[in-house]
C-alpha atoms as a PDB file:
ATOM      1  CA  MET A   1     -25.872   2.009  16.312  1.00  0.00           C
ATOM      2  CA  PRO A   2     -23.748   2.928  13.283  1.00  0.00           C
ATOM      3  CA  GLU A   3     -23.369   0.427  10.502  1.00  0.00           C
ATOM      4  CA  PRO A   4     -19.916  -1.135  10.084  1.00  0.00           C
ATOM      5  CA  ILE A   5     -17.946  -0.054   7.044  1.00  0.00           C
ATOM      6  CA  PRO A   6     -18.118  -2.840   4.474  1.00  0.00           C
ATOM      7  CA  PRO A   7     -14.826  -4.357   3.354  1.00  0.00           C
ATOM      8  CA  ILE A   8     -13.261  -3.201   0.127  1.00  0.00           C
ATOM      9  CA  VAL A   9     -12.536  -6.191  -2.048  1.00  0.00           C
ATOM     10  CA  LEU A  10     -10.248  -5.622  -5.008  1.00  0.00           C
ATOM     11  CA  PRO A  11     -10.915  -7.190  -8.384  1.00  0.00           C
ATOM     12  CA  PRO A  12      -8.874 -10.337  -9.061  1.00  0.00           C
ATOM     13  CA  LEU A  13      -5.235  -9.802  -9.964  1.00  0.00           C
ATOM     14  CA  ARG A  14      -4.776  -9.971 -13.742  1.00  0.00           C
ATOM     15  CA  ASP A  15      -1.254  -8.699 -14.354  1.00  0.00           C
ATOM     16  CA  PRO A  16       1.015  -8.968 -11.290  1.00  0.00           C
ATOM     17  CA  ASP A  17       3.985  -7.284 -12.969  1.00  0.00           C
ATOM     18  CA  ARG A  18       1.937  -4.312 -14.095  1.00  0.00           C
ATOM     19  CA  GLU A  19       0.243  -3.891 -10.713  1.00  0.00           C
ATOM     20  CA  GLY A  20       3.554  -4.220  -8.886  1.00  0.00           C
ATOM     21  CA  HIS A  21       5.278  -1.657 -11.125  1.00  0.00           C
ATOM     22  CA  TRP A  22       2.357   0.749 -10.792  1.00  0.00           C
ATOM     23  CA  LEU A  23       2.297   0.494  -6.998  1.00  0.00           C
ATOM     24  CA  ARG A  24       6.066   0.760  -6.659  1.00  0.00           C
ATOM     25  CA  ASP A  25       6.202   3.868  -8.851  1.00  0.00           C
ATOM     26  CA  ALA A  26       3.139   5.504  -7.271  1.00  0.00           C
ATOM     27  CA  LEU A  27       4.373   4.851  -3.728  1.00  0.00           C
ATOM     28  CA  HIS A  28       7.888   6.040  -4.531  1.00  0.00           C
ATOM     29  CA  THR A  29       6.455   9.273  -5.982  1.00  0.00           C
ATOM     30  CA  TRP A  30       4.242   9.727  -2.920  1.00  0.00           C
ATOM     31  CA  LEU A  31       7.159   9.148  -0.526  1.00  0.00           C
ATOM     32  CA  ASP A  32       9.373  11.647  -2.350  1.00  0.00           C
ATOM     33  CA  ARG A  33       6.603  14.244  -2.439  1.00  0.00           C
ATOM     34  CA  GLU A  34       5.495  13.919   1.200  1.00  0.00           C
ATOM     35  CA  PHE A  35       8.812  14.873   2.808  1.00  0.00           C
ATOM     36  CA  LEU A  36      12.187  14.787   1.115  1.00  0.00           C
ATOM     37  CA  PRO A  37      13.310  12.574  -1.729  1.00  0.00           C
ATOM     38  CA  GLU A  38      15.536   9.979  -0.081  1.00  0.00           C
ATOM     39  CA  ALA A  39      17.394   7.032  -1.581  1.00  0.00           C
ATOM     40  CA  VAL A  40      15.670   4.684   0.875  1.00  0.00           C
ATOM     41  CA  ASN A  41      12.260   5.615  -0.562  1.00  0.00           C
ATOM     42  CA  GLY A  42      12.893   3.374  -3.560  1.00  0.00           C
ATOM     43  CA  ASP A  43      13.706   0.459  -1.258  1.00  0.00           C
ATOM     44  CA  ILE A  44      10.553   1.066   0.787  1.00  0.00           C
ATOM     45  CA  ALA A  45       8.353   1.271  -2.310  1.00  0.00           C
ATOM     46  CA  ASP A  46       9.926  -1.863  -3.770  1.00  0.00           C
ATOM     47  CA  ARG A  47       9.441  -3.879  -0.581  1.00  0.00           C
ATOM     48  CA  ALA A  48       5.835  -2.756  -0.028  1.00  0.00           C
ATOM     49  CA  SER A  49       4.848  -3.456  -3.639  1.00  0.00           C
ATOM     50  CA  LYS A  50       6.374  -6.945  -3.455  1.00  0.00           C
ATOM     51  CA  ILE A  51       4.417  -7.710  -0.285  1.00  0.00           C
ATOM     52  CA  PHE A  52       1.217  -6.390  -1.864  1.00  0.00           C
ATOM     53  CA  VAL A  53       1.609  -8.393  -5.079  1.00  0.00           C
ATOM     54  CA  ARG A  54       2.650 -11.579  -3.282  1.00  0.00           C
ATOM     55  CA  GLN A  55      -0.410 -11.359  -1.051  1.00  0.00           C
ATOM     56  CA  ARG A  56      -2.601 -10.794  -4.119  1.00  0.00           C
ATOM     57  CA  LEU A  57      -1.018 -13.791  -5.870  1.00  0.00           C
ATOM     58  CA  GLU A  58      -1.875 -15.855  -2.794  1.00  0.00           C
ATOM     59  CA  GLY A  59      -5.512 -14.844  -3.293  1.00  0.00           C
ATOM     60  CA  GLU A  60      -5.891 -11.983  -0.816  1.00  0.00           C
ATOM     61  CA  ASN A  61      -8.127  -9.300  -2.297  1.00  0.00           C
ATOM     62  CA  ASP A  62      -9.483  -7.637   0.850  1.00  0.00           C
ATOM     63  CA  LEU A  63      -7.811  -4.226   1.129  1.00  0.00           C
ATOM     64  CA  GLY A  64      -7.940  -4.259   4.934  1.00  0.00           C
ATOM     65  CA  ALA A  65      -6.132  -7.605   5.065  1.00  0.00           C
ATOM     66  CA  LEU A  66      -3.567  -6.339   2.560  1.00  0.00           C
ATOM     67  CA  VAL A  67      -2.890  -3.301   4.754  1.00  0.00           C
ATOM     68  CA  VAL A  68      -2.395  -5.536   7.804  1.00  0.00           C
ATOM     69  CA  ALA A  69       0.000  -7.754   5.817  1.00  0.00           C
ATOM     70  CA  ILE A  70       2.059  -4.726   4.777  1.00  0.00           C
ATOM     71  CA  VAL A  71       2.211  -3.428   8.363  1.00  0.00           C
ATOM     72  CA  THR A  72       3.235  -6.848   9.646  1.00  0.00           C
ATOM     73  CA  GLU A  73       5.869  -7.585   7.037  1.00  0.00           C
ATOM     74  CA  MET A  74       7.304  -4.066   6.922  1.00  0.00           C
ATOM     75  CA  GLN A  75       8.098  -4.328  10.653  1.00  0.00           C
ATOM     76  CA  GLY A  76      11.226  -6.182   9.581  1.00  0.00           C
ATOM     77  CA  PHE A  77      12.342  -3.270   7.361  1.00  0.00           C
ATOM     78  CA  ASP A  78      15.005  -0.870   8.696  1.00  0.00           C
ATOM     79  CA  PHE A  79      13.275   2.526   8.723  1.00  0.00           C
ATOM     80  CA  SER A  80      16.179   4.243  10.523  1.00  0.00           C
ATOM     81  CA  ARG A  81      17.113   6.193   7.348  1.00  0.00           C
ATOM     82  CA  SER A  82      13.545   7.339   6.712  1.00  0.00           C
ATOM     83  CA  PHE A  83      10.841   9.646   8.037  1.00  0.00           C
ATOM     84  CA  TYR A  84       8.333   6.818   7.621  1.00  0.00           C
ATOM     85  CA  GLY A  85       7.300   3.642   9.405  1.00  0.00           C
ATOM     86  CA  GLU A  86       5.270   0.587   8.517  1.00  0.00           C
ATOM     87  CA  PHE A  87       1.892   2.164   9.372  1.00  0.00           C
ATOM     88  CA  ALA A  88       2.479   5.220   7.172  1.00  0.00           C
ATOM     89  CA  ILE A  89       3.499   2.960   4.294  1.00  0.00           C
ATOM     90  CA  ALA A  90       0.497   0.660   4.635  1.00  0.00           C
ATOM     91  CA  ASN A  91      -1.871   3.635   4.852  1.00  0.00           C
ATOM     92  CA  ALA A  92      -0.273   5.235   1.795  1.00  0.00           C
ATOM     93  CA  VAL A  93      -0.696   2.005  -0.178  1.00  0.00           C
ATOM     94  CA  SER A  94      -4.351   1.880   0.844  1.00  0.00           C
ATOM     95  CA  ASP A  95      -4.895   5.503  -0.198  1.00  0.00           C
ATOM     96  CA  LEU A  96      -3.169   4.972  -3.558  1.00  0.00           C
ATOM     97  CA  VAL A  97      -5.242   1.865  -4.295  1.00  0.00           C
ATOM     98  CA  LEU A  98      -8.483   3.596  -3.304  1.00  0.00           C
ATOM     99  CA  ASP A  99      -7.609   6.593  -5.464  1.00  0.00           C
ATOM    100  CA  SER A 100      -6.854   4.295  -8.415  1.00  0.00           C
ATOM    101  CA  LEU A 101     -10.291   2.708  -8.032  1.00  0.00           C
ATOM    102  CA  GLY A 102     -12.007   6.082  -7.796  1.00  0.00           C
ATOM    103  CA  ILE A 103     -13.165   5.440  -4.226  1.00  0.00           C
ATOM    104  CA  ASP A 104     -13.470   8.549  -2.074  1.00  0.00           C
ATOM    105  CA  ARG A 105     -11.532   7.907   1.123  1.00  0.00           C
ATOM    106  CA  CYS A 106     -12.927  10.869   3.007  1.00  0.00           C
ATOM    107  CA  CYS A 107     -15.239  10.362   5.946  1.00  0.00           C
ATOM    108  CA  GLY A 108     -15.811   6.634   5.445  1.00  0.00           C
ATOM    109  CA  GLU A 109     -17.792   7.154   2.249  1.00  0.00           C
END
């Protein structure tokens, strides 16, 4: 039987403003690059980064739990002016964080 993938636990949050700005900017860039630059992309990136940082401030460091929190809370966001939805945003955040930590996200490695 295959071994379960161990959780990815982020280091403790040291500078919430810096982490929030980084994530907002990185996600906004990713959103604009993936399809078309849209005004709503800034709103999406801002909302997702706020959720992420708030969860981290509350002590959540497990990346899987952070992704679930983003999916759950972004369900209340109006995506009608966007190509994206809450799952795409949460997955993009996860990918950006993994990339920033130098963790290869291919093939469960």
